[in-house]
């Protein structure tokens, strides 16, 4: 099947959570367009395996804890030294957290989900935006979730964190609206990735039951939307939320 091609020649893209899932899929699309890609991930083993699988001299790998400010700063410095200032940031790093009711949710689990999903997105944006402002160009795409709009039962921390990512996207997009930097997010319904291993079978079945198309999304389908949002073609959308939910989102 033919697909759109976007020119990312001469651009450096940072992809958090880039060792697997949606992050790895969009990294492939960016590389196909000629970008140099920095994969940021916490899992060093998977990170190195993914870098080798991409088989490109245009890939850099950084072990990063996106919830830790010093780690993000160190990664930004190393990636910039290797490939220049980033023009694209894809925030894909995230965890689901356990499937418990609010009454049974531990404070430590809540804090961990918020730290990675929301604080991590804030830290990477705050760290990389200044260099984009220097060039008056940038594309930031955050991975939120339909759960951030609807709220999934027994997934309060995940839902709340993704709602926060949506709000952060809107705020930053408005702050940068008079620059050449756009900030958007996508809200996928469930996409079959390794994150499913963090969920109960009951929660997975619940998510599937909410999708009118009757199937889970594919990482390649989300990556196709992300590629457009990361391209120069996406010039008049910022602070926006793009659904890719198999018909689940109706507003």
Protein backbone atom coordinates (compact mmCIF):
# COMPACT_ATOMS: atom_id res chain seq x y z
CA UNK A 1 0.00 0.00 0.00
CA UNK A 2 1.36 3.42 -0.94
CA UNK A 3 1.70 6.06 1.75
CA UNK A 4 2.59 9.70 2.11
CA UNK A 5 6.24 10.69 2.22
CA UNK A 6 7.46 13.68 4.22
CA UNK A 7 10.83 15.33 3.83
CA UNK A 8 12.72 15.55 7.13
CA UNK A 9 16.15 16.00 5.56
CA UNK A 10 18.57 17.88 7.79
CA UNK A 11 16.26 17.69 10.80
CA UNK A 12 17.06 16.13 14.15
CA UNK A 13 14.16 14.41 15.88
CA UNK A 14 14.04 13.29 19.51
CA UNK A 15 11.62 10.44 20.20
CA UNK A 16 11.03 9.55 23.85
CA UNK A 17 9.95 5.98 24.49
CA UNK A 18 11.60 5.38 21.13
CA UNK A 19 12.76 1.83 21.78
CA UNK A 20 9.36 0.23 21.24
CA UNK A 21 5.72 0.66 20.34
CA UNK A 22 4.49 3.92 18.84
CA UNK A 23 7.83 5.62 19.48
CA UNK A 24 9.75 3.07 17.43
CA UNK A 25 7.16 3.14 14.65
CA UNK A 26 7.35 6.92 14.26
CA UNK A 27 11.15 6.79 14.45
CA UNK A 28 11.06 4.57 11.36
CA UNK A 29 8.85 7.06 9.51
CA UNK A 30 11.11 9.97 10.41
CA UNK A 31 14.19 8.07 9.27
CA UNK A 32 12.50 7.24 5.97
CA UNK A 33 12.06 10.97 5.45
CA UNK A 34 15.76 11.62 6.01
CA UNK A 35 15.77 12.75 9.64
CA UNK A 36 18.45 12.00 12.16
CA UNK A 37 16.69 10.40 15.12
CA UNK A 38 17.64 10.28 18.78
CA UNK A 39 15.89 7.46 20.59
CA UNK A 40 15.38 8.20 24.27
CA UNK A 41 14.31 5.32 26.47
CA UNK A 42 14.71 3.99 30.00
CA UNK A 43 15.24 0.36 28.90
CA UNK A 44 18.87 0.18 27.78
CA UNK A 45 18.71 -3.38 26.42
CA UNK A 46 15.64 -2.76 24.26
CA UNK A 47 17.05 0.62 23.24
CA UNK A 48 20.23 -0.90 21.84
CA UNK A 49 18.32 -3.71 20.13
CA UNK A 50 16.02 -1.22 18.45
CA UNK A 51 18.91 0.97 17.37
CA UNK A 52 20.56 -2.03 15.76
CA UNK A 53 17.31 -3.10 14.09
CA UNK A 54 16.90 0.32 12.49
CA UNK A 55 20.33 -0.23 10.92
CA UNK A 56 21.02 3.40 10.19
CA UNK A 57 23.93 5.68 10.94
CA UNK A 58 21.36 8.41 11.53
CA UNK A 59 20.19 6.89 14.83
CA UNK A 60 21.47 7.88 18.25
CA UNK A 61 20.42 6.18 21.46
CA UNK A 62 20.24 7.73 24.91
CA UNK A 63 19.24 6.04 28.15
CA UNK A 64 16.92 8.57 29.78
CA UNK A 65 14.57 8.76 32.73
CA UNK A 66 12.15 11.39 31.43
CA UNK A 67 10.81 11.99 34.94
CA UNK A 68 14.26 13.11 36.14
CA UNK A 69 15.28 16.67 35.29
CA UNK A 70 19.03 16.02 35.35
CA UNK A 71 18.64 12.96 33.13
CA UNK A 72 16.64 14.91 30.56
CA UNK A 73 19.15 17.75 30.53
CA UNK A 74 22.06 15.33 30.09
CA UNK A 75 20.29 13.55 27.24
CA UNK A 76 19.46 16.82 25.51
CA UNK A 77 23.09 17.89 25.69
CA UNK A 78 24.40 14.55 24.38
CA UNK A 79 21.85 14.36 21.55
CA UNK A 80 22.49 17.95 20.48
CA UNK A 81 26.23 17.36 20.41
CA UNK A 82 25.71 14.26 18.27
CA UNK A 83 23.15 15.59 15.81
CA UNK A 84 22.55 19.30 16.37
CA UNK A 85 19.63 21.09 17.95
CA UNK A 86 16.39 19.08 17.66
CA UNK A 87 13.69 20.41 15.34
CA UNK A 88 11.19 17.67 16.23
CA UNK A 89 10.13 16.25 19.59
CA UNK A 90 7.83 13.25 19.84
CA UNK A 91 6.80 12.52 23.43
CA UNK A 92 5.87 8.84 23.42
CA UNK A 93 7.33 7.65 26.74
CA UNK A 94 4.61 6.44 29.06
CA UNK A 95 3.29 3.73 31.35
CA UNK A 96 -0.25 2.56 32.10
CA UNK A 97 0.07 1.93 35.82
CA UNK A 98 -1.97 -0.81 37.52
CA UNK A 99 -5.68 -1.38 36.96
CA UNK A 100 -7.23 -0.53 40.33
CA UNK A 101 -10.13 1.57 41.49
CA UNK A 102 -9.36 4.99 42.94
CA UNK A 103 -9.99 3.66 46.44
CA UNK A 104 -7.43 0.90 45.93
CA UNK A 105 -4.82 2.94 44.05
CA UNK A 106 -1.56 3.37 45.93
CA UNK A 107 0.06 6.78 46.24
CA UNK A 108 3.37 5.41 44.95
CA UNK A 109 1.77 4.00 41.79
CA UNK A 110 -0.12 7.25 41.22
CA UNK A 111 3.04 9.32 41.59
CA UNK A 112 5.01 7.06 39.21
CA UNK A 113 2.41 7.31 36.45
CA UNK A 114 2.24 11.09 36.82
CA UNK A 115 6.02 11.41 36.92
CA UNK A 116 6.59 9.58 33.65
CA UNK A 117 3.51 10.50 31.63
CA UNK A 118 2.97 14.13 32.61
CA UNK A 119 6.10 15.42 34.35
CA UNK A 120 8.22 13.70 31.69
CA UNK A 121 6.39 15.44 28.87
CA UNK A 122 6.72 18.78 30.67
CA UNK A 123 10.46 18.31 31.26
CA UNK A 124 11.31 17.36 27.68
CA UNK A 125 9.27 20.25 26.28
CA UNK A 126 10.79 22.74 28.70
CA UNK A 127 14.31 21.52 27.92
CA UNK A 128 14.11 21.39 24.12
CA UNK A 129 11.89 24.36 23.29
CA UNK A 130 14.58 27.06 23.81
CA UNK A 131 16.74 25.67 20.99
CA UNK A 132 13.68 25.52 18.73
CA UNK A 133 12.92 29.14 19.56
CA UNK A 134 16.46 30.08 18.57
CA UNK A 135 15.74 28.73 15.07
CA UNK A 136 12.10 29.86 15.09
CA UNK A 137 11.04 26.38 13.97
CA UNK A 138 9.93 23.22 15.68
CA UNK A 139 7.36 20.47 15.76
CA UNK A 140 6.27 18.97 19.08
CA UNK A 141 3.83 16.07 19.15
CA UNK A 142 2.68 14.59 22.46
CA UNK A 143 1.05 11.18 22.80
CA UNK A 144 -2.02 11.53 24.99
CA UNK A 145 -4.92 9.04 24.96
CA UNK A 146 -8.66 8.84 24.50
CA UNK A 147 -8.61 7.94 28.22
CA UNK A 148 -7.55 11.53 28.85
CA UNK A 149 -10.83 12.73 27.33
CA UNK A 150 -13.23 10.08 28.59
CA UNK A 151 -11.61 8.64 31.72
CA UNK A 152 -11.27 4.86 31.79
CA UNK A 153 -12.51 3.06 34.92
CA UNK A 154 -9.77 1.39 36.96
CA UNK A 155 -7.18 3.55 35.21
CA UNK A 156 -7.53 6.86 37.04
CA UNK A 157 -3.84 7.79 37.13
CA UNK A 158 -3.34 7.01 33.46
CA UNK A 159 -6.51 8.89 32.48
CA UNK A 160 -5.63 11.90 34.63
CA UNK A 161 -2.04 12.01 33.39
CA UNK A 162 -3.16 11.95 29.77
CA UNK A 163 -5.74 14.66 30.43
CA UNK A 164 -2.83 16.66 31.79
CA UNK A 165 -0.85 16.06 28.59
CA UNK A 166 -3.78 17.41 26.58
CA UNK A 167 -3.94 20.55 28.71
CA UNK A 168 -0.16 21.01 28.60
CA UNK A 169 -0.29 20.75 24.81
CA UNK A 170 -2.94 23.45 24.61
CA UNK A 171 -1.06 25.78 26.97
CA UNK A 172 2.31 25.41 25.27
CA UNK A 173 0.77 25.65 21.81
CA UNK A 174 -0.75 29.02 22.72
CA UNK A 175 2.48 30.24 24.29
CA UNK A 176 4.38 29.47 21.08
CA UNK A 177 1.65 30.43 18.60
CA UNK A 178 3.58 33.48 17.37
CA UNK A 179 6.68 31.43 16.61
CA UNK A 180 7.45 28.81 13.99
CA UNK A 181 6.89 26.06 16.56
CA UNK A 182 3.70 24.00 16.62
CA UNK A 183 2.59 21.84 19.54
CA UNK A 184 -0.09 19.20 19.04
CA UNK A 185 -1.13 15.90 20.57
CA UNK A 186 -2.87 12.73 19.49
CA UNK A 187 -5.41 10.73 21.49
CA UNK A 188 -5.29 7.11 20.35
CA UNK A 189 -7.68 4.47 21.52
CA UNK A 190 -5.94 1.25 22.53
CA UNK A 191 -3.01 0.34 20.30
CA UNK A 192 -1.55 -3.13 20.63
CA UNK A 193 1.93 -2.64 22.10
CA UNK A 194 4.04 -4.08 24.89
CA UNK A 195 2.13 -1.80 27.27
CA UNK A 196 -0.67 -4.38 27.20
CA UNK A 197 1.48 -6.46 29.54
CA UNK A 198 0.87 -3.83 32.23
CA UNK A 199 -2.94 -4.26 32.02
CA UNK A 200 -5.38 -6.89 33.18
CA UNK A 201 -7.20 -8.99 30.54
CA UNK A 202 -10.46 -7.47 31.74
CA UNK A 203 -9.23 -3.93 31.10
CA UNK A 204 -7.96 -4.88 27.64
CA UNK A 205 -11.36 -6.36 26.79
CA UNK A 206 -13.09 -3.23 28.10
CA UNK A 207 -11.00 -1.02 25.81
CA UNK A 208 -11.70 -3.20 22.78
CA UNK A 209 -15.44 -3.15 23.49
CA UNK A 210 -15.45 0.67 23.21
CA UNK A 211 -13.96 0.77 19.68
CA UNK A 212 -16.65 0.69 16.94
CA UNK A 213 -14.20 -0.68 14.37
CA UNK A 214 -13.85 -3.73 16.58
CA UNK A 215 -10.07 -3.88 16.59
CA UNK A 216 -7.07 -2.30 18.24
CA UNK A 217 -5.04 0.33 16.44
CA UNK A 218 -1.68 -0.38 14.85
CA UNK A 219 1.49 1.49 15.72
CA UNK A 220 2.05 2.20 12.03
CA UNK A 221 -1.34 3.91 11.81
CA UNK A 222 -0.52 6.26 14.68
CA UNK A 223 2.95 6.87 13.23
CA UNK A 224 1.39 8.00 9.95
CA UNK A 225 -0.54 10.74 11.75
CA UNK A 226 2.49 11.69 13.81
CA UNK A 227 4.62 12.00 10.67
CA UNK A 228 2.26 14.63 9.26
CA UNK A 229 2.09 16.51 12.56
CA UNK A 230 5.91 16.53 12.67
CA UNK A 231 6.23 17.80 9.11
CA UNK A 232 6.46 21.29 7.69
CA UNK A 233 3.06 20.66 6.06
CA UNK A 234 1.42 20.96 9.48
CA UNK A 235 1.78 24.72 9.75
CA UNK A 236 -1.63 26.02 10.86
CA UNK A 237 -2.53 23.58 13.63
CA UNK A 238 -1.22 24.13 17.13
CA UNK A 239 -2.55 23.38 20.58
CA UNK A 240 -4.79 20.84 18.85
CA UNK A 241 -5.93 17.33 19.73
CA UNK A 242 -6.13 14.73 16.95
CA UNK A 243 -8.17 11.60 17.54
CA UNK A 244 -7.14 8.23 16.14
CA UNK A 245 -9.58 5.95 17.88
CA UNK A 246 -11.36 3.64 15.46
CA UNK A 247 -14.56 5.62 15.92
CA UNK A 248 -14.52 5.71 19.72
CA UNK A 249 -14.18 9.49 19.89
CA UNK A 250 -17.35 11.23 18.81
CA UNK A 251 -16.50 14.84 19.70
